Structures are given as C-alpha cells and as structure tokens.
Protein backbone atom coordinates (compact mmCIF):
# COMPACT_ATOMS: atom_id res chain seq x y z
CA UNK A 1 6.36 15.46 22.98
CA UNK A 2 3.13 13.97 22.57
CA UNK A 3 2.17 10.99 20.22
CA UNK A 4 -0.76 11.20 18.36
CA UNK A 5 -2.03 7.81 19.19
CA UNK A 6 -2.31 9.07 22.39
CA UNK A 7 -4.46 11.45 21.68
CA UNK A 8 -7.04 9.41 19.26
CA UNK A 9 -7.17 6.86 21.26
CA UNK A 10 -6.90 7.76 25.46
CA UNK A 11 -9.93 5.90 25.82
CA UNK A 12 -8.46 2.82 24.51
CA UNK A 13 -5.45 3.36 26.90
CA UNK A 14 -7.48 2.39 30.04
CA UNK A 15 -8.36 -1.07 28.66
CA UNK A 16 -4.56 -2.32 27.09
CA UNK A 17 -1.38 -1.61 28.88
CA UNK A 18 1.51 -1.59 26.73
CA UNK A 19 2.50 -5.47 26.70
CA UNK A 20 4.76 -7.16 25.18
CA UNK A 21 4.18 -10.96 23.91
CA UNK A 22 7.40 -12.29 24.32
CA UNK A 23 9.68 -14.92 22.81
CA UNK A 24 6.97 -17.83 22.61
CA UNK A 25 9.20 -21.24 22.72
CA UNK A 26 8.13 -24.00 20.80
CA UNK A 27 6.43 -25.77 23.63
CA UNK A 28 3.56 -23.37 24.70
CA UNK A 29 2.89 -22.35 21.08
CA UNK A 30 2.06 -25.92 20.27
CA UNK A 31 0.98 -26.23 23.73
CA UNK A 32 -1.82 -23.46 22.83
CA UNK A 33 -3.04 -24.91 19.33
CA UNK A 34 -3.29 -28.88 21.05
CA UNK A 35 -5.29 -26.98 22.82
CA UNK A 36 -7.27 -25.16 20.23
CA UNK A 37 -10.00 -22.93 19.73
CA UNK A 38 -11.61 -20.24 17.53
CA UNK A 39 -9.94 -17.27 16.19
CA UNK A 40 -11.71 -14.17 14.31
CA UNK A 41 -9.49 -13.22 11.68
CA UNK A 42 -10.53 -9.72 10.14
CA UNK A 43 -9.42 -7.86 6.95
CA UNK A 44 -10.27 -4.68 4.66
CA UNK A 45 -9.70 -6.91 1.15
CA UNK A 46 -13.02 -9.05 0.06
CA UNK A 47 -10.79 -9.41 -3.01
CA UNK A 48 -8.20 -11.11 -0.56
CA UNK A 49 -10.30 -12.87 1.35
CA UNK A 50 -9.81 -16.33 -0.34
CA UNK A 51 -6.58 -16.31 0.00
CA UNK A 52 -6.35 -15.34 3.44
CA UNK A 53 -8.60 -18.31 4.06
CA UNK A 54 -6.85 -20.74 1.85
CA UNK A 55 -3.58 -19.39 4.38
CA UNK A 56 -5.89 -20.15 7.63
CA UNK A 57 -6.64 -23.98 6.18
CA UNK A 58 -3.26 -24.59 5.95
CA UNK A 59 -3.28 -23.47 9.22
CA UNK A 60 -6.33 -25.29 10.62
CA UNK A 61 -4.60 -28.88 8.94
CA UNK A 62 -1.76 -28.65 10.52
CA UNK A 63 -4.13 -28.11 13.99
CA UNK A 64 -7.29 -29.27 14.02
CA UNK A 65 -8.53 -28.18 17.00
CA UNK A 66 -8.39 -24.46 15.73
CA UNK A 67 -11.25 -22.92 13.90
CA UNK A 68 -10.02 -19.99 12.04
CA UNK A 69 -12.87 -17.63 10.62
CA UNK A 70 -11.83 -14.79 8.05
CA UNK A 71 -14.22 -11.86 7.75
CA UNK A 72 -14.01 -8.94 5.75
CA UNK A 73 -15.22 -5.19 5.18
CA UNK A 74 -15.00 -2.21 3.67
CA UNK A 75 -11.67 -0.13 4.11
CA UNK A 76 -13.52 2.86 6.06
CA UNK A 77 -16.34 0.00 7.97
CA UNK A 78 -13.11 -1.81 9.15
CA UNK A 79 -11.41 0.99 10.73
CA UNK A 80 -14.22 2.09 12.33
CA UNK A 81 -15.25 -1.06 13.84
CA UNK A 82 -11.70 -1.90 14.75
CA UNK A 83 -11.48 1.57 16.56
CA UNK A 84 -14.35 0.91 18.38
CA UNK A 85 -13.58 -2.83 19.17
CA UNK A 86 -9.92 -1.53 20.27
CA UNK A 87 -12.14 0.76 23.10
CA UNK A 88 -14.29 -2.05 24.16
CA UNK A 89 -11.41 -4.50 24.43
CA UNK A 90 -13.26 -6.87 21.77
CA UNK A 91 -10.73 -6.60 19.04
CA UNK A 92 -10.61 -9.93 16.55
CA UNK A 93 -8.02 -11.86 16.80
CA UNK A 94 -6.15 -11.15 13.93
CA UNK A 95 -6.15 -8.35 11.95
CA UNK A 96 -4.54 -6.36 9.15
CA UNK A 97 -2.59 -3.26 10.09
CA UNK A 98 -2.04 -0.32 7.36
CA UNK A 99 1.16 1.40 7.80
CA UNK A 100 -1.25 4.86 7.89
CA UNK A 101 -2.70 3.31 11.49
CA UNK A 102 0.46 2.04 12.96
CA UNK A 103 1.55 4.38 14.76
CA UNK A 104 -1.94 5.04 16.43
CA UNK A 105 -2.34 1.95 17.19
CA UNK A 106 1.07 1.03 18.46
CA UNK A 107 2.42 4.04 20.69
CA UNK A 108 -1.09 3.37 22.03
CA UNK A 109 -0.55 0.06 23.90
CA UNK A 110 -3.26 -1.74 21.62
CA UNK A 111 -0.96 -4.32 19.26
CA UNK A 112 0.72 -6.93 20.75
CA UNK A 113 5.00 -6.65 20.50
CA UNK A 114 5.44 -9.21 18.08
CA UNK A 115 9.69 -8.45 17.71
CA UNK A 116 10.47 -11.94 18.78
CA UNK A 117 8.20 -13.88 16.61
CA UNK A 118 10.15 -12.12 13.46
CA UNK A 119 13.42 -12.98 11.36
CA UNK A 120 14.41 -9.76 10.33
CA UNK A 121 16.88 -11.15 8.30
CA UNK A 122 14.04 -12.79 6.14
CA UNK A 123 11.60 -9.70 5.28
CA UNK A 124 12.25 -6.56 3.03
CA UNK A 125 13.45 -3.77 5.49
CA UNK A 126 10.44 -1.17 4.25
CA UNK A 127 8.20 -4.37 5.75
CA UNK A 128 10.09 -4.24 8.42
CA UNK A 129 9.57 -0.62 9.28
CA UNK A 130 5.80 -0.52 8.28
CA UNK A 131 5.71 -2.62 11.56
CA UNK A 132 7.53 -0.90 14.17
CA UNK A 133 6.07 1.61 16.93
CA UNK A 134 8.00 5.19 17.23
CA UNK A 135 9.76 2.47 19.66
CA UNK A 136 11.63 0.87 16.67
CA UNK A 137 9.42 -2.91 18.13
CA UNK A 138 7.59 -4.82 15.72
CA UNK A 139 4.01 -4.76 16.44
CA UNK A 140 3.04 -7.52 13.95
CA UNK A 141 4.26 -9.81 11.36
CA UNK A 142 5.15 -8.49 8.06
CA UNK A 143 2.12 -9.74 5.21
CA UNK A 144 3.36 -8.30 2.00
CA UNK A 145 4.60 -5.53 0.27
CA UNK A 146 3.51 -3.48 -2.63
CA UNK A 147 4.47 -1.75 -5.38
CA UNK A 148 3.32 0.77 -8.22
CA UNK A 149 2.98 0.15 -11.86
CA UNK A 150 2.09 1.17 -14.77
CA UNK A 151 -0.88 -0.43 -16.57
CA UNK A 152 -1.41 0.16 -20.08
CA UNK A 153 -4.19 -0.63 -23.34
CA UNK A 154 -1.77 -2.51 -25.76
CA UNK A 155 -4.90 -2.30 -28.15
CA UNK A 156 -5.35 1.42 -28.06
CA UNK A 157 -1.17 1.80 -28.16
CA UNK A 158 -1.24 -0.17 -31.68
CA UNK A 159 -4.21 1.48 -33.17
CA UNK A 160 -2.11 4.99 -32.18
CA UNK A 161 0.99 3.23 -33.64
CA UNK A 162 2.97 3.90 -30.59
CA UNK A 163 5.65 1.11 -29.44
CA UNK A 164 4.29 -0.38 -26.21
CA UNK A 165 5.91 1.41 -22.98
CA UNK A 166 9.12 -0.69 -21.59
CA UNK A 167 11.84 0.28 -19.19
CA UNK A 168 14.09 3.38 -21.40
CA UNK A 169 10.42 5.15 -21.12
CA UNK A 170 10.45 8.73 -19.59
CA UNK A 171 8.04 11.31 -18.85
CA UNK A 172 8.13 12.67 -22.07
CA UNK A 173 7.79 9.18 -23.37
CA UNK A 174 4.28 9.10 -21.39
CA UNK A 175 3.20 12.54 -22.58
CA UNK A 176 4.38 11.79 -26.38
CA UNK A 177 2.05 8.68 -26.08
CA UNK A 178 -1.36 10.05 -24.34
CA UNK A 179 -0.93 13.17 -26.90
CA UNK A 180 -0.68 10.89 -29.84
CA UNK A 181 -3.57 7.90 -28.33
CA UNK A 182 -5.56 10.83 -27.76
CA UNK A 183 -5.27 11.94 -31.23
CA UNK A 184 -5.78 8.71 -33.48
CA UNK A 185 -8.28 7.42 -30.88
CA UNK A 186 -10.06 9.92 -29.39
CA UNK A 187 -9.02 7.78 -25.65
CA UNK A 188 -7.67 9.32 -22.96
CA UNK A 189 -3.86 8.72 -22.72
CA UNK A 190 -2.05 8.65 -19.40
CA UNK A 191 -4.90 9.41 -16.49
CA UNK A 192 -3.48 11.38 -13.74
CA UNK A 193 -5.59 11.41 -10.70
CA UNK A 194 -5.24 13.41 -7.44
CA UNK A 195 -3.61 10.35 -5.42
CA UNK A 196 -0.39 10.49 -3.42
CA UNK A 197 1.15 6.27 -3.36
CA UNK A 198 -0.12 6.09 -6.70
CA UNK A 199 0.26 9.37 -8.00
CA UNK A 200 2.39 12.31 -7.48
CA UNK A 201 4.87 11.03 -4.95
CA UNK A 202 5.91 8.41 -7.74
CA UNK A 203 7.29 11.56 -9.48
CA UNK A 204 8.39 13.84 -6.67
CA UNK A 205 11.35 10.50 -5.80
CA UNK A 206 11.57 9.94 -9.25
CA UNK A 207 12.52 14.03 -9.74
CA UNK A 208 15.29 13.57 -6.76
CA UNK A 209 13.04 14.93 -4.08
CA UNK A 210 11.04 13.78 -0.49
CA UNK A 211 7.59 14.57 0.77
CA UNK A 212 9.23 14.07 4.66
CA UNK A 213 12.74 13.79 5.85
CA UNK A 214 14.14 10.43 5.59
CA UNK A 215 13.28 10.07 9.82
CA UNK A 216 10.25 12.01 9.35
CA UNK A 217 10.77 14.84 11.34
CA UNK A 218 10.63 17.73 8.54
CA UNK A 219 8.40 18.82 5.60
CA UNK A 220 9.95 18.85 2.35
CA UNK A 221 7.53 20.10 -0.14
CA UNK A 222 8.80 23.87 -0.55
CA UNK A 223 12.24 21.89 -1.71
CA UNK A 224 13.24 22.56 -5.23
CA UNK A 225 13.04 19.22 -6.52
CA UNK A 226 9.86 18.15 -5.39
CA UNK A 227 7.81 21.22 -5.81
CA UNK A 228 8.96 20.57 -9.47
CA UNK A 229 7.51 17.35 -9.63
CA UNK A 230 4.21 18.16 -8.05
CA UNK A 231 4.04 21.07 -10.84
CA UNK A 232 4.43 18.72 -13.60
CA UNK A 233 2.00 16.10 -11.84
CA UNK A 234 -0.37 18.78 -11.78
CA UNK A 235 -0.04 20.26 -15.11
CA UNK A 236 -0.92 16.89 -16.69
CA UNK A 237 -4.27 17.71 -16.53
CA UNK A 238 -4.18 20.71 -18.95
CA UNK A 239 -3.97 18.27 -21.25
CA UNK A 240 -6.97 17.24 -23.15
CA UNK A 241 -5.60 13.59 -22.59
CA UNK A 242 -6.41 13.50 -19.28
CA UNK A 243 -9.63 13.39 -17.63
CA UNK A 244 -10.47 16.35 -14.90
CA UNK A 245 -10.37 15.61 -11.61
CA UNK A 246 -14.23 16.23 -11.08
CA UNK A 247 -14.05 13.31 -14.14
CA UNK A 248 -11.95 11.28 -11.58
CA UNK A 249 -14.25 11.86 -8.41
CA UNK A 250 -17.19 10.24 -11.14
CA UNK A 251 -15.50 7.32 -12.38
CA UNK A 252 -12.03 6.61 -11.14
CA UNK A 253 -9.33 5.59 -13.50
CA UNK A 254 -9.28 2.09 -12.75
CA UNK A 255 -12.77 1.82 -13.68
CA UNK A 256 -11.39 4.47 -16.97
CA UNK A 257 -9.15 2.23 -18.15
CA UNK A 258 -10.81 -0.89 -17.18
CA UNK A 259 -14.12 0.14 -19.72
CA UNK A 260 -11.39 1.06 -22.17
CA UNK A 261 -12.03 5.07 -22.24
CA UNK A 262 -7.82 5.62 -21.41
CA UNK A 263 -5.25 3.86 -22.01
CA UNK A 264 -3.10 4.39 -19.37
CA UNK A 265 -3.01 4.65 -15.42
CA UNK A 266 -0.56 4.14 -12.52
CA UNK A 267 -1.56 0.95 -10.36
CA UNK A 268 -0.97 -0.59 -7.51
CA UNK A 269 0.12 -4.26 -7.26
CA UNK A 270 -2.52 -5.18 -5.22
CA UNK A 271 -5.04 -4.12 -7.73
CA UNK A 272 -4.02 -6.68 -10.44
CA UNK A 273 -5.20 -10.15 -9.57
CA UNK A 274 -8.71 -8.55 -8.96
CA UNK A 275 -8.20 -6.93 -12.06
CA UNK A 276 -7.90 -10.07 -14.12
CA UNK A 277 -10.14 -11.66 -12.36
CA UNK A 278 -13.23 -9.53 -12.70
CA UNK A 279 -12.47 -8.47 -16.40
CA UNK A 280 -11.78 -11.43 -18.10
CA UNK A 281 -13.13 -10.17 -21.38
CA UNK A 282 -9.75 -7.96 -21.78
CA UNK A 283 -7.19 -10.34 -21.40
CA UNK A 284 -4.33 -10.02 -23.33
CA UNK A 285 -5.69 -6.54 -24.18
CA UNK A 286 -3.57 -5.07 -21.53
CA UNK A 287 0.18 -5.56 -19.75
CA UNK A 288 1.84 -3.53 -17.33
CA UNK A 289 5.36 -1.80 -17.23
CA UNK A 290 7.90 -0.63 -15.00
CA UNK A 291 7.34 3.40 -14.29
CA UNK A 292 8.42 5.63 -16.56
CA UNK A 293 12.48 7.69 -15.18
CA UNK A 294 12.37 11.20 -14.75
CA UNK A 295 14.67 12.40 -17.93
CA UNK A 296 16.66 15.70 -15.73
CA UNK A 297 16.18 14.31 -11.98
CA UNK A 298 17.39 17.19 -10.05
CA UNK A 299 19.02 14.04 -8.40
CA UNK A 300 19.57 10.54 -8.80
CA UNK A 301 19.04 8.01 -11.72
CA UNK A 302 15.26 9.09 -12.43
CA UNK A 303 13.78 5.92 -11.23
CA UNK A 304 11.80 5.23 -7.96
CA UNK A 305 8.15 3.78 -7.50
CA UNK A 306 6.37 4.15 -4.13
CA UNK A 307 6.36 0.74 -1.90
CA UNK A 308 4.17 -0.17 1.04
CA UNK A 309 3.09 -3.03 2.90
CA UNK A 310 0.50 -4.54 4.90
CA UNK A 311 1.23 -6.00 8.57
CA UNK A 312 -0.66 -9.00 10.60
CA UNK A 313 -1.26 -7.74 13.92
CA UNK A 314 -3.42 -9.25 17.58
CA UNK A 315 -4.16 -7.12 20.90
CA UNK A 316 -1.67 -7.30 23.07
CA UNK A 317 -4.75 -8.01 25.74
CA UNK A 318 -6.60 -10.43 23.17
CA UNK A 319 -8.69 -13.04 25.05
CA UNK A 320 -6.91 -15.83 22.21
CA UNK A 321 -3.41 -13.81 22.53
CA UNK A 322 -1.36 -17.50 22.80
CA UNK A 323 -3.08 -18.97 19.99
CA UNK A 324 -3.46 -15.96 17.84
CA UNK A 325 0.55 -15.42 18.29
CA UNK A 326 1.12 -18.85 17.08
CA UNK A 327 -0.99 -18.22 13.59
CA UNK A 328 0.58 -15.15 13.40
CA UNK A 329 4.45 -17.07 13.52
CA UNK A 330 2.58 -19.34 11.12
CA UNK A 331 1.54 -16.16 8.28
CA UNK A 332 5.15 -14.96 8.95
CA UNK A 333 7.01 -18.22 7.90
CA UNK A 334 8.15 -19.38 5.14
CA UNK A 335 5.98 -21.24 4.48
CA UNK A 336 2.78 -18.88 5.07
CA UNK A 337 4.36 -16.10 3.38
CA UNK A 338 5.12 -18.76 0.12
CA UNK A 339 0.96 -19.32 0.06
CA UNK A 340 0.41 -15.99 0.40
CA UNK A 341 2.46 -15.59 -2.96
CA UNK A 342 0.80 -18.46 -4.69
CA UNK A 343 -2.94 -17.50 -3.81
CA UNK A 344 -1.61 -14.22 -5.55
CA UNK A 345 -3.28 -12.01 -3.82
CA UNK A 346 -0.33 -10.20 -2.49
CA UNK A 347 3.70 -9.78 -3.03
CA UNK A 348 5.54 -11.99 -0.16
CA UNK A 349 7.33 -9.32 2.17
CA UNK A 350 9.22 -12.00 2.67
CA UNK A 351 13.12 -11.89 0.96
CA UNK A 352 13.16 -14.13 -2.43
CA UNK A 353 9.54 -15.00 -2.86
CA UNK A 354 8.45 -11.89 -5.34
CA UNK A 355 8.03 -14.74 -8.44
CA UNK A 356 5.88 -17.16 -6.12
CA UNK A 357 3.09 -14.08 -6.93
CA UNK A 358 4.47 -13.13 -10.07
CA UNK A 359 4.20 -16.32 -11.53
CA UNK A 360 0.67 -17.23 -10.60
CA UNK A 361 -0.71 -14.78 -13.44
CA UNK A 362 1.00 -16.70 -15.93
CA UNK A 363 -0.64 -19.93 -14.56
CA UNK A 364 -3.83 -18.76 -14.36
CA UNK A 365 -4.38 -18.05 -18.08
CA UNK A 366 -3.62 -14.55 -17.93
CA UNK A 367 -1.48 -12.59 -20.31
CA UNK A 368 0.23 -10.22 -17.94
CA UNK A 369 3.82 -10.08 -17.19
CA UNK A 370 4.08 -9.33 -13.49
CA UNK A 371 7.56 -10.09 -13.02
CA UNK A 372 8.33 -6.28 -14.47
CA UNK A 373 6.27 -5.12 -11.31
CA UNK A 374 8.73 -7.05 -8.96
CA UNK A 375 11.64 -5.76 -10.96
CA UNK A 376 11.15 -2.00 -9.79
CA UNK A 377 12.08 -3.54 -5.67
CA UNK A 378 15.52 -2.88 -6.83
CA UNK A 379 14.78 0.97 -6.79
CA UNK A 380 11.56 1.26 -4.51
CA UNK A 381 10.84 3.60 -1.98
CA UNK A 382 9.24 3.10 1.14
CA UNK A 383 5.44 4.53 1.64
CA UNK A 384 5.74 8.13 3.33
CA UNK A 385 4.40 8.45 6.91
CA UNK A 386 5.49 9.34 10.39
CA UNK A 387 3.50 9.51 13.86
CA UNK A 388 1.64 13.03 12.51
CA UNK A 389 0.33 11.52 9.07
CA UNK A 390 -3.67 11.18 10.53
CA UNK A 391 -3.32 14.92 10.71
CA UNK A 392 -1.80 16.68 7.82
CA UNK A 393 -2.95 13.69 5.65
CA UNK A 394 -6.61 15.13 5.12
CA UNK A 395 -5.37 18.35 4.70
CA UNK A 396 -3.04 17.91 2.14
CA UNK A 397 -5.10 16.11 0.02
CA UNK A 398 -7.54 18.72 0.11
CA UNK A 399 -4.96 21.52 -0.46
CA UNK A 400 -3.90 19.09 -3.82
CA UNK A 401 -7.88 18.89 -4.55
CA UNK A 402 -7.85 22.92 -4.69
CA UNK A 403 -4.95 23.55 -6.82
CA UNK A 404 -6.61 21.22 -9.30
CA UNK A 405 -9.44 23.53 -8.95
CA UNK A 406 -7.73 26.58 -9.26
CA UNK A 407 -8.83 27.94 -6.08
CA UNK A 408 -5.58 27.84 -4.84
CA UNK A 409 -2.48 28.60 -6.69
CA UNK A 410 0.26 25.58 -7.65
CA UNK A 411 2.67 27.59 -5.54
CA UNK A 412 0.57 28.98 -3.10
CA UNK A 413 -0.99 25.49 -2.58
CA UNK A 414 3.04 23.36 -2.45
CA UNK A 415 3.44 25.86 0.78
CA UNK A 416 0.68 25.26 2.09
CA UNK A 417 0.99 21.99 2.10
CA UNK A 418 4.42 22.43 3.50
CA UNK A 419 3.04 25.00 6.36
CA UNK A 420 0.30 21.94 7.29
CA UNK A 421 2.57 18.71 7.27
CA UNK A 422 5.35 21.10 9.66
CA UNK A 423 2.64 22.39 12.27
CA UNK A 424 1.79 18.64 12.79
CA UNK A 425 5.19 17.59 13.31
CA UNK A 426 5.46 20.29 15.61
CA UNK A 427 2.25 18.95 17.77
CA UNK A 428 3.01 15.77 17.62
C-alpha cells in the first residue's frame, strides 16, 4: 500500500534518502560539540520559547563553541515553512514534530533515525509510539507528554453552591453542576466545543469506545460505545448552559473561561502555564481536576484522558546533523528532561519526572494543584493517529460541525465519519 507521506512529499524524496543516523559513540559526539557551530531550533509555540532557550543555554554552557537560536512561529506558519524547507533541503537543524505529521515526514525519509540515541526504558510508551514511523524506528527524541484535565472557576461554583469537582465526579455531576451554575449565576457551565483531543474523544474512551482499533487499521465510530458517547457529547450543546459552535467560532472556550463567562472547560496540560502567566488577576479563582468519568460505561471503569506528545527531530540530510544529534541526545537525557519540566512548559516524557512540572505552579505562586493532572497518566489513552490521518481528519472535523449545525443527523454523521476513515485507510 502507498504511504500518505510519499504522496504528500514526493518532491522531498528526491532530496532526502531514507537514512538512519546510527549510534554515535561518545568521542564522535564530543568531537562535533568541540568543533562547535550554530544551530537553528524551530518551534511552533511562542509560550514555550523561553523554556526551550533555557535548554539551549544549558547545553551551550557545557559546549561554549556552540550557538543555538530558538525561533518560534504560529502553528499554521510553522508547518508551511517546514514542508517548504523539506522540499528545498533547508530544514532547521532542530525542530518539533507533532504526532499528526510524524508518519508523513518519517515515512518519506525526511527525518533522521534516532533509535540508537533514545533510552527506551526511560520514556513513556505513548511518547515512544508518537516518535515512530511506520517501520517502528524512532525518528526523533520524545520531548513531552500531555493530558486533558477539567478547568473550573471556583468563584462560580461557590456562588451557585456547588461542590468542586473531585475524582468521584461523573458525566451526571458535570451536567447537573452546569445547570445549577447557569441558573444561579447566568454564566455558562461546561463548554463543550467541537474538538477531538480536548473534546469528544475523552468521552468515547471513557465509555469504553474507540476511534480506531489498536493498530489503526479499522474505524470504530459505529461501535455502540463510540456512537453512544458521540451522541451524548454533541447533545450537550442543546442545553442553555453550553455555548453554540457559532459562539465558539467567535470566542473560543479558553477565552470565555478566562473572561469569566463560563465555569468549566476541558484544558490541555500544555495550556496551564500560559494561562497562569497571562491571567494573574485570576490566580486563586480557578483550579483543575481530573476528568469526570462515565457513570455507566459499555466497557471499562469509565476513566480515560487522551494523551499526546511532541518529539524533537532533525533532518536526515541536515548540514549540521552530527551536532544536531548531540543536542538531541542532550534534550532526551535525564538532565535535559528534568530542566524542561522545571521550566513548566511541558510534562517531561521521561518516566518519573511528572512532578518536576507539577511543582512549578506552586513554586511560581500559582494556586493550581497540577498533581491532579499528572495523576491521570495512570489511565491515559494514546492520541488517535494513523498514516492516513491527514486525509480523514479534516473531513471528520467538518462532519462534526455539520452535526452540530443540524445539516446532518447525528446518526448519519457518525456513519459518514466511519465511511470517511475506512476509505482513507483503504487508500493508504
């Protein structure tokens, strides 16, 4: 079967041959760092730039002949530039790779094989899987791992006389609290927006459903547990306490929450540090909790939270590849991962270092109990992905919006999502 990466990056194949970086011995790595040079480190999140600069600074202090410049751009601009640079053999020396794009770039031979510089025993299974190409090799070094949590406004709960969310909360508690908060305060309750990782996927897996089967070769939208959860999630918008998707198109749930227009939303762990820094006037007014569980799941215990991860990568034919590989090895080391956690920008992918991230909130004076977030890794579910995702994802997203708009029934929409993903998998 033809891999989607080969279709989308056919021009790049003429510039990059699939090449493993091989294991570098200590002498070779040291030689590259001793010779020195300049590296460009490209990321898509300006909020994490200072954290990445701290990592670069720590490496440069150990290797004074090396200079590393961190550049940040927006999400869309980032991928436009990266694809263009792949086709012209001018990729940045170090860059982030999202799991959405990993198959596309790895399977087309664009990324250096970093299997031999990663200590697999040190990283979470989810982070390792998200760094893999279709051949099972690692095409980068795991950076972090994320999780989805429930953010809630304590003042609105207090005003409505509703107890704060805890680990015993269920979907019923979520809807009941939303109704009471709306009735007592006039503010929105839980804001259920049309999103997958931060939205309905969590409900699907809490109900014992799946989006894809374990190896990503079969769509599961029409399975009872999956379709039941999607219907429940889409139905939440029918309540007065939930904004419509048209409202979300104008003002997203994060903005509504931090402008104190809504009491709850599902937040990604990667959003929390920025939120604390950007809304200091709300410190102490909000907190986070584990996701409410499904009260009567078709299968399982009703708990799940979607977890994804980002990978540090370099080009297979990069002009500074040897030095870039040495920096990658540092980023994946215990020291590098610990420092990343201490900056607060992301939960380290390195096992056992979750608290280095969680502790930064209290240390910086933020009244957020982030340890509740990391507790959910015990029942986290890997972010849904397969090689054909770039084809089916936008079609599925549009179908979800059509269901919300009422231009297609929920039953027909679920069947359409099933058919779209099935066709994309067949054409891989």
